């Protein structure tokens, strides 16, 4: 089995973040000297180039405020989990989440990307796409998707009692 020395934890500050971080810490504990990268992706506030209408406001300060807030949240998350600063890297990047997570994993030679699932239903995933699905398809390394706690607590349906015998 390959060793997970460089672990990228994609953090979106949702209620699935602590579960993903706990899973990453368990992987890191199994590998002495494992490096954890806490990564948050801030959505791009600048309108796409293909739009004809220029933005009436400068969105650069908005994007910078989002980035600054994310840096503070990552720092608080690291402190609350008592992460060793020598084995920790925090990063905030701007762009499309799936693309940026994959690019970060490639650039840092990640052995695994860990992220939490939100537990959205099939219709929403079909309409909006799933960041986790895109990462699984594009990542250059292993991907661990930690199920949302509502999915873990759901009990599977019991098997049917017994089917009537065919004549």
C-alpha atoms as a PDB file:
ATOM      1  CA  UNK A   1       0.000   0.000   0.000  1.00  0.00           C
ATOM      2  CA  UNK A   2       1.281   3.447  -0.806  1.00  0.00           C
ATOM      3  CA  UNK A   3       2.164   5.817   1.983  1.00  0.00           C
ATOM      4  CA  UNK A   4       0.182   8.986   2.496  1.00  0.00           C
ATOM      5  CA  UNK A   5       2.940  11.435   3.372  1.00  0.00           C
ATOM      6  CA  UNK A   6       1.430  14.517   1.726  1.00  0.00           C
ATOM      7  CA  UNK A   7      -2.228  14.866   2.632  1.00  0.00           C
ATOM      8  CA  UNK A   8      -4.322  17.667   1.150  1.00  0.00           C
ATOM      9  CA  UNK A   9      -7.498  18.364   3.104  1.00  0.00           C
ATOM     10  CA  UNK A  10      -9.986  20.360   1.046  1.00  0.00           C
ATOM     11  CA  UNK A  11     -11.796  22.539   3.578  1.00  0.00           C
ATOM     12  CA  UNK A  12     -15.022  24.390   2.841  1.00  0.00           C
ATOM     13  CA  UNK A  13     -15.929  25.203   6.472  1.00  0.00           C
ATOM     14  CA  UNK A  14     -19.201  23.283   6.207  1.00  0.00           C
ATOM     15  CA  UNK A  15     -20.353  20.795   8.833  1.00  0.00           C
ATOM     16  CA  UNK A  16     -18.440  18.061   6.977  1.00  0.00           C
ATOM     17  CA  UNK A  17     -15.083  19.802   7.554  1.00  0.00           C
ATOM     18  CA  UNK A  18     -14.356  18.335  11.024  1.00  0.00           C
ATOM     19  CA  UNK A  19     -15.031  14.803   9.775  1.00  0.00           C
ATOM     20  CA  UNK A  20     -12.703  15.237   6.790  1.00  0.00           C
ATOM     21  CA  UNK A  21      -9.993  16.693   9.009  1.00  0.00           C
ATOM     22  CA  UNK A  22     -10.349  13.838  11.516  1.00  0.00           C
ATOM     23  CA  UNK A  23      -9.927  11.305   8.690  1.00  0.00           C
ATOM     24  CA  UNK A  24      -6.839  13.143   7.427  1.00  0.00           C
ATOM     25  CA  UNK A  25      -5.362  13.208  10.928  1.00  0.00           C
ATOM     26  CA  UNK A  26      -5.881   9.452  11.206  1.00  0.00           C
ATOM     27  CA  UNK A  27      -3.994   8.965   7.925  1.00  0.00           C
ATOM     28  CA  UNK A  28      -1.215  11.291   9.078  1.00  0.00           C
ATOM     29  CA  UNK A  29      -0.903   9.474  12.406  1.00  0.00           C
ATOM     30  CA  UNK A  30      -0.170   6.257  10.529  1.00  0.00           C
ATOM     31  CA  UNK A  31       2.731   7.891   8.691  1.00  0.00           C
ATOM     32  CA  UNK A  32       5.527   9.503  10.712  1.00  0.00           C
ATOM     33  CA  UNK A  33       6.308  12.916   9.314  1.00  0.00           C
ATOM     34  CA  UNK A  34       3.138  13.112   7.255  1.00  0.00           C
ATOM     35  CA  UNK A  35       2.423  16.636   6.035  1.00  0.00           C
ATOM     36  CA  UNK A  36      -1.103  18.029   6.145  1.00  0.00           C
ATOM     37  CA  UNK A  37      -2.134  20.797   3.767  1.00  0.00           C
ATOM     38  CA  UNK A  38      -5.346  22.574   4.739  1.00  0.00           C
ATOM     39  CA  UNK A  39      -6.683  24.057   1.500  1.00  0.00           C
ATOM     40  CA  UNK A  40      -9.652  26.354   1.002  1.00  0.00           C
ATOM     41  CA  UNK A  41     -10.829  27.597  -2.380  1.00  0.00           C
ATOM     42  CA  UNK A  42     -12.466  31.019  -2.534  1.00  0.00           C
ATOM     43  CA  UNK A  43     -14.828  31.407  -5.494  1.00  0.00           C
ATOM     44  CA  UNK A  44     -13.679  33.860  -8.113  1.00  0.00           C
ATOM     45  CA  UNK A  45     -15.536  37.146  -7.565  1.00  0.00           C
ATOM     46  CA  UNK A  46     -14.434  38.600 -10.896  1.00  0.00           C
ATOM     47  CA  UNK A  47     -16.933  38.017 -13.720  1.00  0.00           C
ATOM     48  CA  UNK A  48     -15.800  35.614 -16.444  1.00  0.00           C
ATOM     49  CA  UNK A  49     -14.053  37.039 -19.478  1.00  0.00           C
ATOM     50  CA  UNK A  50     -16.765  35.828 -21.860  1.00  0.00           C
ATOM     51  CA  UNK A  51     -19.371  38.199 -20.447  1.00  0.00           C
ATOM     52  CA  UNK A  52     -20.103  41.333 -22.453  1.00  0.00           C
ATOM     53  CA  UNK A  53     -20.996  43.458 -19.455  1.00  0.00           C
ATOM     54  CA  UNK A  54     -18.141  44.863 -17.418  1.00  0.00           C
ATOM     55  CA  UNK A  55     -18.705  44.740 -13.698  1.00  0.00           C
ATOM     56  CA  UNK A  56     -19.981  48.095 -12.409  1.00  0.00           C
ATOM     57  CA  UNK A  57     -18.017  47.577  -9.195  1.00  0.00           C
ATOM     58  CA  UNK A  58     -14.488  46.537  -8.443  1.00  0.00           C
ATOM     59  CA  UNK A  59     -14.819  43.033  -7.004  1.00  0.00           C
ATOM     60  CA  UNK A  60     -11.136  42.719  -6.127  1.00  0.00           C
ATOM     61  CA  UNK A  61     -11.664  43.975  -2.551  1.00  0.00           C
ATOM     62  CA  UNK A  62     -14.528  41.501  -2.084  1.00  0.00           C
ATOM     63  CA  UNK A  63     -12.336  38.631  -3.203  1.00  0.00           C
ATOM     64  CA  UNK A  64      -9.531  39.840  -0.900  1.00  0.00           C
ATOM     65  CA  UNK A  65     -11.947  40.039   2.052  1.00  0.00           C
ATOM     66  CA  UNK A  66     -13.109  36.460   1.375  1.00  0.00           C
ATOM     67  CA  UNK A  67      -9.483  35.317   1.176  1.00  0.00           C
ATOM     68  CA  UNK A  68      -8.538  37.088   4.417  1.00  0.00           C
ATOM     69  CA  UNK A  69     -11.544  35.570   6.203  1.00  0.00           C
ATOM     70  CA  UNK A  70     -10.623  32.090   4.932  1.00  0.00           C
ATOM     71  CA  UNK A  71      -7.044  32.473   6.184  1.00  0.00           C
ATOM     72  CA  UNK A  72      -8.371  33.359   9.648  1.00  0.00           C
ATOM     73  CA  UNK A  73     -10.748  30.389   9.615  1.00  0.00           C
ATOM     74  CA  UNK A  74      -7.979  27.987   8.558  1.00  0.00           C
ATOM     75  CA  UNK A  75      -5.761  29.295  11.352  1.00  0.00           C
ATOM     76  CA  UNK A  76      -8.555  28.842  13.897  1.00  0.00           C
ATOM     77  CA  UNK A  77      -9.215  25.319  12.597  1.00  0.00           C
ATOM     78  CA  UNK A  78      -5.540  24.394  12.937  1.00  0.00           C
ATOM     79  CA  UNK A  79      -5.403  25.789  16.480  1.00  0.00           C
ATOM     80  CA  UNK A  80      -8.639  24.063  17.540  1.00  0.00           C
ATOM     81  CA  UNK A  81      -7.259  20.698  16.380  1.00  0.00           C
ATOM     82  CA  UNK A  82      -3.802  21.349  17.899  1.00  0.00           C
ATOM     83  CA  UNK A  83      -2.087  20.662  14.582  1.00  0.00           C
ATOM     84  CA  UNK A  84       1.715  20.662  14.661  1.00  0.00           C
ATOM     85  CA  UNK A  85       2.833  23.799  12.764  1.00  0.00           C
ATOM     86  CA  UNK A  86       5.945  21.961  11.555  1.00  0.00           C
ATOM     87  CA  UNK A  87       3.767  19.414   9.739  1.00  0.00           C
ATOM     88  CA  UNK A  88       1.094  21.844   8.551  1.00  0.00           C
ATOM     89  CA  UNK A  89       0.630  24.064   5.531  1.00  0.00           C
ATOM     90  CA  UNK A  90      -2.421  26.266   5.071  1.00  0.00           C
ATOM     91  CA  UNK A  91      -3.374  27.701   1.713  1.00  0.00           C
ATOM     92  CA  UNK A  92      -6.193  29.733   0.243  1.00  0.00           C
ATOM     93  CA  UNK A  93      -6.555  29.886  -3.524  1.00  0.00           C
ATOM     94  CA  UNK A  94      -9.106  31.560  -5.786  1.00  0.00           C
ATOM     95  CA  UNK A  95     -11.032  29.825  -8.540  1.00  0.00           C
ATOM     96  CA  UNK A  96     -13.288  26.868  -9.288  1.00  0.00           C
ATOM     97  CA  UNK A  97     -13.048  24.469  -6.317  1.00  0.00           C
ATOM     98  CA  UNK A  98     -12.558  21.147  -8.138  1.00  0.00           C
ATOM     99  CA  UNK A  99      -9.998  22.560 -10.574  1.00  0.00           C
ATOM    100  CA  UNK A 100      -8.027  24.375  -7.893  1.00  0.00           C
ATOM    101  CA  UNK A 101      -7.950  21.370  -5.552  1.00  0.00           C
ATOM    102  CA  UNK A 102      -6.652  19.147  -8.364  1.00  0.00           C
ATOM    103  CA  UNK A 103      -4.038  21.753  -9.378  1.00  0.00           C
ATOM    104  CA  UNK A 104      -2.896  22.142  -5.765  1.00  0.00           C
ATOM    105  CA  UNK A 105      -2.603  18.366  -5.359  1.00  0.00           C
ATOM    106  CA  UNK A 106      -0.532  18.156  -8.555  1.00  0.00           C
ATOM    107  CA  UNK A 107       1.736  21.067  -7.604  1.00  0.00           C
ATOM    108  CA  UNK A 108       2.426  19.682  -4.126  1.00  0.00           C
ATOM    109  CA  UNK A 109       2.770  16.031  -5.184  1.00  0.00           C
ATOM    110  CA  UNK A 110      -0.065  14.990  -2.890  1.00  0.00           C
ATOM    111  CA  UNK A 111      -0.444  11.334  -2.019  1.00  0.00           C
ATOM    112  CA  UNK A 112      -4.102  11.745  -1.099  1.00  0.00           C
ATOM    113  CA  UNK A 113      -6.820  14.391  -1.140  1.00  0.00           C
ATOM    114  CA  UNK A 114      -9.344  14.212   1.704  1.00  0.00           C
ATOM    115  CA  UNK A 115     -12.668  16.005   1.489  1.00  0.00           C
ATOM    116  CA  UNK A 116     -16.079  15.783   3.045  1.00  0.00           C
ATOM    117  CA  UNK A 117     -19.238  14.935   1.183  1.00  0.00           C
ATOM    118  CA  UNK A 118     -22.246  17.167   1.676  1.00  0.00           C
ATOM    119  CA  UNK A 119     -24.816  14.446   1.253  1.00  0.00           C
ATOM    120  CA  UNK A 120     -26.751  16.244  -1.470  1.00  0.00           C
ATOM    121  CA  UNK A 121     -29.341  14.246  -3.309  1.00  0.00           C
ATOM    122  CA  UNK A 122     -29.100  12.848  -6.793  1.00  0.00           C
ATOM    123  CA  UNK A 123     -31.109  15.641  -8.445  1.00  0.00           C
ATOM    124  CA  UNK A 124     -28.964  18.418  -7.014  1.00  0.00           C
ATOM    125  CA  UNK A 125     -25.768  16.541  -7.931  1.00  0.00           C
ATOM    126  CA  UNK A 126     -27.077  16.041 -11.469  1.00  0.00           C
ATOM    127  CA  UNK A 127     -28.034  19.704 -11.894  1.00  0.00           C
ATOM    128  CA  UNK A 128     -25.061  21.328 -10.177  1.00  0.00           C
ATOM    129  CA  UNK A 129     -22.372  18.704 -10.493  1.00  0.00           C
ATOM    130  CA  UNK A 130     -20.369  17.488  -7.550  1.00  0.00           C
ATOM    131  CA  UNK A 131     -16.998  18.874  -6.587  1.00  0.00           C
ATOM    132  CA  UNK A 132     -16.100  15.513  -5.058  1.00  0.00           C
ATOM    133  CA  UNK A 133     -17.048  13.665  -8.258  1.00  0.00           C
ATOM    134  CA  UNK A 134     -14.879  15.979 -10.355  1.00  0.00           C
ATOM    135  CA  UNK A 135     -11.925  15.608  -8.023  1.00  0.00           C
ATOM    136  CA  UNK A 136     -12.207  11.819  -8.007  1.00  0.00           C
ATOM    137  CA  UNK A 137     -12.135  11.807 -11.820  1.00  0.00           C
ATOM    138  CA  UNK A 138      -9.279  14.320 -12.230  1.00  0.00           C
ATOM    139  CA  UNK A 139      -6.970  13.971  -9.215  1.00  0.00           C
ATOM    140  CA  UNK A 140      -3.433  12.692  -9.765  1.00  0.00           C
ATOM    141  CA  UNK A 141      -3.567  10.763  -6.489  1.00  0.00           C
ATOM    142  CA  UNK A 142      -5.877   8.838  -4.207  1.00  0.00           C
ATOM    143  CA  UNK A 143      -9.025  10.636  -3.032  1.00  0.00           C
ATOM    144  CA  UNK A 144     -10.802   9.943   0.241  1.00  0.00           C
ATOM    145  CA  UNK A 145     -14.355  11.260   0.345  1.00  0.00           C
ATOM    146  CA  UNK A 146     -15.668  11.205   3.900  1.00  0.00           C
ATOM    147  CA  UNK A 147     -19.436  10.683   3.889  1.00  0.00           C
ATOM    148  CA  UNK A 148     -21.645  13.321   5.441  1.00  0.00           C
ATOM    149  CA  UNK A 149     -22.760  12.378   8.940  1.00  0.00           C
ATOM    150  CA  UNK A 150     -26.386  12.122   7.772  1.00  0.00           C
ATOM    151  CA  UNK A 151     -25.333   9.405   5.333  1.00  0.00           C
ATOM    152  CA  UNK A 152     -23.337   7.530   7.958  1.00  0.00           C
ATOM    153  CA  UNK A 153     -26.227   7.566  10.433  1.00  0.00           C
ATOM    154  CA  UNK A 154     -28.742   6.321   7.895  1.00  0.00           C
ATOM    155  CA  UNK A 155     -29.458   2.652   8.411  1.00  0.00           C
ATOM    156  CA  UNK A 156     -29.704   0.455   5.342  1.00  0.00           C
ATOM    157  CA  UNK A 157     -33.113  -0.891   4.528  1.00  0.00           C
ATOM    158  CA  UNK A 158     -33.624  -4.430   5.781  1.00  0.00           C
ATOM    159  CA  UNK A 159     -33.722  -7.109   3.100  1.00  0.00           C
ATOM    160  CA  UNK A 160     -37.176  -8.313   2.110  1.00  0.00           C
ATOM    161  CA  UNK A 161     -38.463 -11.071   4.410  1.00  0.00           C
ATOM    162  CA  UNK A 162     -38.777 -13.751   1.818  1.00  0.00           C
ATOM    163  CA  UNK A 163     -40.102 -13.796  -1.651  1.00  0.00           C
ATOM    164  CA  UNK A 164     -42.953 -16.132  -2.476  1.00  0.00           C
ATOM    165  CA  UNK A 165     -41.930 -19.204  -4.367  1.00  0.00           C
ATOM    166  CA  UNK A 166     -42.569 -19.206  -8.080  1.00  0.00           C
ATOM    167  CA  UNK A 167     -45.097 -21.809  -9.290  1.00  0.00           C
END
